[in-house]
């Protein structure tokens, strides 16, 4: 390597040694804020349970804004057991057939990846 190239090489490495950490720190500071999957507004979900027969009902889950969780499972819960009803992927209306026991249901939306409950609702059955 000739002497002028050696000087350029040394200058460029010194500039990069200072510039790259500065760019990295600026990139870290300018990241968008992290939003938790669990700060969904309560009014972004609406639940309705309609009794179909004496033993089955229809659960309708309306999701008005997108979830911030990559996966969401819907459970119906009673005092003794928890039954998996289905999965919610994206915004929209979902209908599930559920077993009917008593006159109330506890609906739980759960994130299996983070192992956290997203929301919970206690519902009474509409007799239609």
C-alpha atoms as a PDB file:
ATOM      1  CA  UNK A   1       0.000   0.000   0.000  1.00  0.00           C
ATOM      2  CA  UNK A   2       1.421   3.386  -0.937  1.00  0.00           C
ATOM      3  CA  UNK A   3       1.850   6.178   1.557  1.00  0.00           C
ATOM      4  CA  UNK A   4      -1.109   8.335   0.334  1.00  0.00           C
ATOM      5  CA  UNK A   5      -3.449   5.286   0.406  1.00  0.00           C
ATOM      6  CA  UNK A   6      -2.240   4.412   3.882  1.00  0.00           C
ATOM      7  CA  UNK A   7      -3.115   7.938   5.091  1.00  0.00           C
ATOM      8  CA  UNK A   8      -6.602   7.778   3.525  1.00  0.00           C
ATOM      9  CA  UNK A   9      -7.139   4.359   5.024  1.00  0.00           C
ATOM     10  CA  UNK A  10      -6.198   5.577   8.520  1.00  0.00           C
ATOM     11  CA  UNK A  11      -8.433   8.672   8.232  1.00  0.00           C
ATOM     12  CA  UNK A  12     -11.427   6.674   6.997  1.00  0.00           C
ATOM     13  CA  UNK A  13     -11.107   4.141   9.844  1.00  0.00           C
ATOM     14  CA  UNK A  14     -10.917   6.920  12.438  1.00  0.00           C
ATOM     15  CA  UNK A  15     -14.012   8.617  11.000  1.00  0.00           C
ATOM     16  CA  UNK A  16     -15.901   5.300  10.983  1.00  0.00           C
ATOM     17  CA  UNK A  17     -14.787   4.564  14.551  1.00  0.00           C
ATOM     18  CA  UNK A  18     -16.530   7.746  15.697  1.00  0.00           C
ATOM     19  CA  UNK A  19     -19.413   7.891  13.220  1.00  0.00           C
ATOM     20  CA  UNK A  20     -20.765   4.311  13.473  1.00  0.00           C
ATOM     21  CA  UNK A  21     -21.438   4.353  17.251  1.00  0.00           C
ATOM     22  CA  UNK A  22     -23.066   7.785  16.917  1.00  0.00           C
ATOM     23  CA  UNK A  23     -25.358   6.538  14.122  1.00  0.00           C
ATOM     24  CA  UNK A  24     -26.176   3.436  16.152  1.00  0.00           C
ATOM     25  CA  UNK A  25     -27.137   5.513  19.223  1.00  0.00           C
ATOM     26  CA  UNK A  26     -29.270   7.855  17.101  1.00  0.00           C
ATOM     27  CA  UNK A  27     -31.052   4.881  15.548  1.00  0.00           C
ATOM     28  CA  UNK A  28     -31.798   3.418  18.990  1.00  0.00           C
ATOM     29  CA  UNK A  29     -33.194   6.747  20.225  1.00  0.00           C
ATOM     30  CA  UNK A  30     -35.364   7.271  17.136  1.00  0.00           C
ATOM     31  CA  UNK A  31     -37.108   3.883  17.336  1.00  0.00           C
ATOM     32  CA  UNK A  32     -40.897   4.033  17.614  1.00  0.00           C
ATOM     33  CA  UNK A  33     -42.342   3.406  21.054  1.00  0.00           C
ATOM     34  CA  UNK A  34     -43.167  -0.162  21.924  1.00  0.00           C
ATOM     35  CA  UNK A  35     -46.871  -0.747  22.420  1.00  0.00           C
ATOM     36  CA  UNK A  36     -47.926  -3.605  24.595  1.00  0.00           C
ATOM     37  CA  UNK A  37     -50.508  -6.084  23.373  1.00  0.00           C
ATOM     38  CA  UNK A  38     -52.253  -5.621  26.669  1.00  0.00           C
ATOM     39  CA  UNK A  39     -53.127  -1.955  26.444  1.00  0.00           C
ATOM     40  CA  UNK A  40     -56.050  -2.670  24.125  1.00  0.00           C
ATOM     41  CA  UNK A  41     -58.975  -0.473  24.945  1.00  0.00           C
ATOM     42  CA  UNK A  42     -61.870  -2.222  26.586  1.00  0.00           C
ATOM     43  CA  UNK A  43     -64.229  -0.787  23.982  1.00  0.00           C
ATOM     44  CA  UNK A  44     -62.277  -2.372  21.110  1.00  0.00           C
ATOM     45  CA  UNK A  45     -63.938  -5.694  21.999  1.00  0.00           C
ATOM     46  CA  UNK A  46     -67.625  -6.457  22.164  1.00  0.00           C
ATOM     47  CA  UNK A  47     -69.057  -9.805  23.198  1.00  0.00           C
ATOM     48  CA  UNK A  48     -72.506 -11.260  22.812  1.00  0.00           C
ATOM     49  CA  UNK A  49     -73.756 -14.696  23.771  1.00  0.00           C
ATOM     50  CA  UNK A  50     -77.013 -15.997  22.335  1.00  0.00           C
ATOM     51  CA  UNK A  51     -78.577 -19.211  23.598  1.00  0.00           C
ATOM     52  CA  UNK A  52     -79.264 -21.618  20.713  1.00  0.00           C
ATOM     53  CA  UNK A  53     -80.482 -24.690  22.584  1.00  0.00           C
ATOM     54  CA  UNK A  54     -80.502 -25.767  26.230  1.00  0.00           C
ATOM     55  CA  UNK A  55     -76.892 -26.976  25.980  1.00  0.00           C
ATOM     56  CA  UNK A  56     -75.286 -24.763  23.306  1.00  0.00           C
ATOM     57  CA  UNK A  57     -74.957 -21.074  22.616  1.00  0.00           C
ATOM     58  CA  UNK A  58     -73.342 -18.806  20.076  1.00  0.00           C
ATOM     59  CA  UNK A  59     -70.583 -16.434  21.131  1.00  0.00           C
ATOM     60  CA  UNK A  60     -69.995 -13.432  18.874  1.00  0.00           C
ATOM     61  CA  UNK A  61     -66.760 -11.493  19.384  1.00  0.00           C
ATOM     62  CA  UNK A  62     -66.467  -8.202  17.502  1.00  0.00           C
ATOM     63  CA  UNK A  63     -62.983  -6.778  17.300  1.00  0.00           C
ATOM     64  CA  UNK A  64     -63.176  -3.149  16.169  1.00  0.00           C
ATOM     65  CA  UNK A  65     -59.451  -2.364  16.220  1.00  0.00           C
ATOM     66  CA  UNK A  66     -56.539  -4.657  15.365  1.00  0.00           C
ATOM     67  CA  UNK A  67     -54.911  -6.689  18.111  1.00  0.00           C
ATOM     68  CA  UNK A  68     -51.333  -5.931  19.047  1.00  0.00           C
ATOM     69  CA  UNK A  69     -50.779  -9.570  19.800  1.00  0.00           C
ATOM     70  CA  UNK A  70     -49.750 -12.078  17.110  1.00  0.00           C
ATOM     71  CA  UNK A  71     -52.040 -14.741  18.523  1.00  0.00           C
ATOM     72  CA  UNK A  72     -55.161 -14.638  20.619  1.00  0.00           C
ATOM     73  CA  UNK A  73     -57.103 -17.603  21.950  1.00  0.00           C
ATOM     74  CA  UNK A  74     -60.696 -17.401  23.164  1.00  0.00           C
ATOM     75  CA  UNK A  75     -61.624 -19.437  26.238  1.00  0.00           C
ATOM     76  CA  UNK A  76     -64.918 -19.861  28.026  1.00  0.00           C
ATOM     77  CA  UNK A  77     -64.384 -20.354  31.692  1.00  0.00           C
ATOM     78  CA  UNK A  78     -66.507 -21.717  34.499  1.00  0.00           C
ATOM     79  CA  UNK A  79     -65.738 -22.387  38.146  1.00  0.00           C
ATOM     80  CA  UNK A  80     -64.149 -25.766  37.454  1.00  0.00           C
ATOM     81  CA  UNK A  81     -62.872 -25.754  33.880  1.00  0.00           C
ATOM     82  CA  UNK A  82     -61.589 -23.667  31.010  1.00  0.00           C
ATOM     83  CA  UNK A  83     -62.592 -24.654  27.454  1.00  0.00           C
ATOM     84  CA  UNK A  84     -60.757 -23.476  24.337  1.00  0.00           C
ATOM     85  CA  UNK A  85     -63.339 -22.042  21.929  1.00  0.00           C
ATOM     86  CA  UNK A  86     -61.248 -20.703  19.058  1.00  0.00           C
ATOM     87  CA  UNK A  87     -58.640 -18.277  17.790  1.00  0.00           C
ATOM     88  CA  UNK A  88     -58.820 -14.623  16.770  1.00  0.00           C
ATOM     89  CA  UNK A  89     -56.404 -13.510  14.073  1.00  0.00           C
ATOM     90  CA  UNK A  90     -57.358 -10.030  12.955  1.00  0.00           C
ATOM     91  CA  UNK A  91     -60.019  -7.351  13.066  1.00  0.00           C
ATOM     92  CA  UNK A  92     -63.608  -8.443  12.420  1.00  0.00           C
ATOM     93  CA  UNK A  93     -66.467 -10.486  13.819  1.00  0.00           C
ATOM     94  CA  UNK A  94     -65.995 -14.064  15.008  1.00  0.00           C
ATOM     95  CA  UNK A  95     -68.702 -16.563  15.893  1.00  0.00           C
ATOM     96  CA  UNK A  96     -68.127 -19.633  18.050  1.00  0.00           C
ATOM     97  CA  UNK A  97     -70.453 -22.352  19.294  1.00  0.00           C
ATOM     98  CA  UNK A  98     -70.046 -22.761  23.039  1.00  0.00           C
ATOM     99  CA  UNK A  99     -71.514 -25.010  25.726  1.00  0.00           C
ATOM    100  CA  UNK A 100     -74.095 -23.336  27.944  1.00  0.00           C
ATOM    101  CA  UNK A 101     -73.975 -23.973  31.666  1.00  0.00           C
ATOM    102  CA  UNK A 102     -76.038 -21.833  34.010  1.00  0.00           C
ATOM    103  CA  UNK A 103     -76.943 -18.300  32.978  1.00  0.00           C
ATOM    104  CA  UNK A 104     -73.450 -16.729  32.879  1.00  0.00           C
ATOM    105  CA  UNK A 105     -70.222 -17.185  30.951  1.00  0.00           C
ATOM    106  CA  UNK A 106     -66.738 -15.834  31.596  1.00  0.00           C
ATOM    107  CA  UNK A 107     -65.012 -15.127  28.289  1.00  0.00           C
ATOM    108  CA  UNK A 108     -61.217 -14.883  28.408  1.00  0.00           C
ATOM    109  CA  UNK A 109     -58.979 -13.639  25.576  1.00  0.00           C
ATOM    110  CA  UNK A 110     -55.497 -15.038  26.166  1.00  0.00           C
ATOM    111  CA  UNK A 111     -52.111 -14.604  24.482  1.00  0.00           C
ATOM    112  CA  UNK A 112     -50.320 -17.996  24.595  1.00  0.00           C
ATOM    113  CA  UNK A 113     -46.975 -16.591  23.450  1.00  0.00           C
ATOM    114  CA  UNK A 114     -46.646 -14.026  26.241  1.00  0.00           C
ATOM    115  CA  UNK A 115     -48.721 -16.201  28.608  1.00  0.00           C
ATOM    116  CA  UNK A 116     -50.890 -13.231  29.597  1.00  0.00           C
ATOM    117  CA  UNK A 117     -54.588 -12.537  29.654  1.00  0.00           C
ATOM    118  CA  UNK A 118     -55.610  -9.792  27.214  1.00  0.00           C
ATOM    119  CA  UNK A 119     -59.111  -9.204  28.524  1.00  0.00           C
ATOM    120  CA  UNK A 120     -61.948 -10.896  30.392  1.00  0.00           C
ATOM    121  CA  UNK A 121     -65.712 -10.397  30.306  1.00  0.00           C
ATOM    122  CA  UNK A 122     -68.557 -11.821  32.354  1.00  0.00           C
ATOM    123  CA  UNK A 123     -71.626 -12.259  30.179  1.00  0.00           C
ATOM    124  CA  UNK A 124     -75.191 -13.353  30.707  1.00  0.00           C
ATOM    125  CA  UNK A 125     -77.047 -15.318  28.056  1.00  0.00           C
ATOM    126  CA  UNK A 126     -79.677 -13.636  25.886  1.00  0.00           C
ATOM    127  CA  UNK A 127     -82.671 -15.923  25.473  1.00  0.00           C
ATOM    128  CA  UNK A 128     -83.628 -15.595  21.829  1.00  0.00           C
END
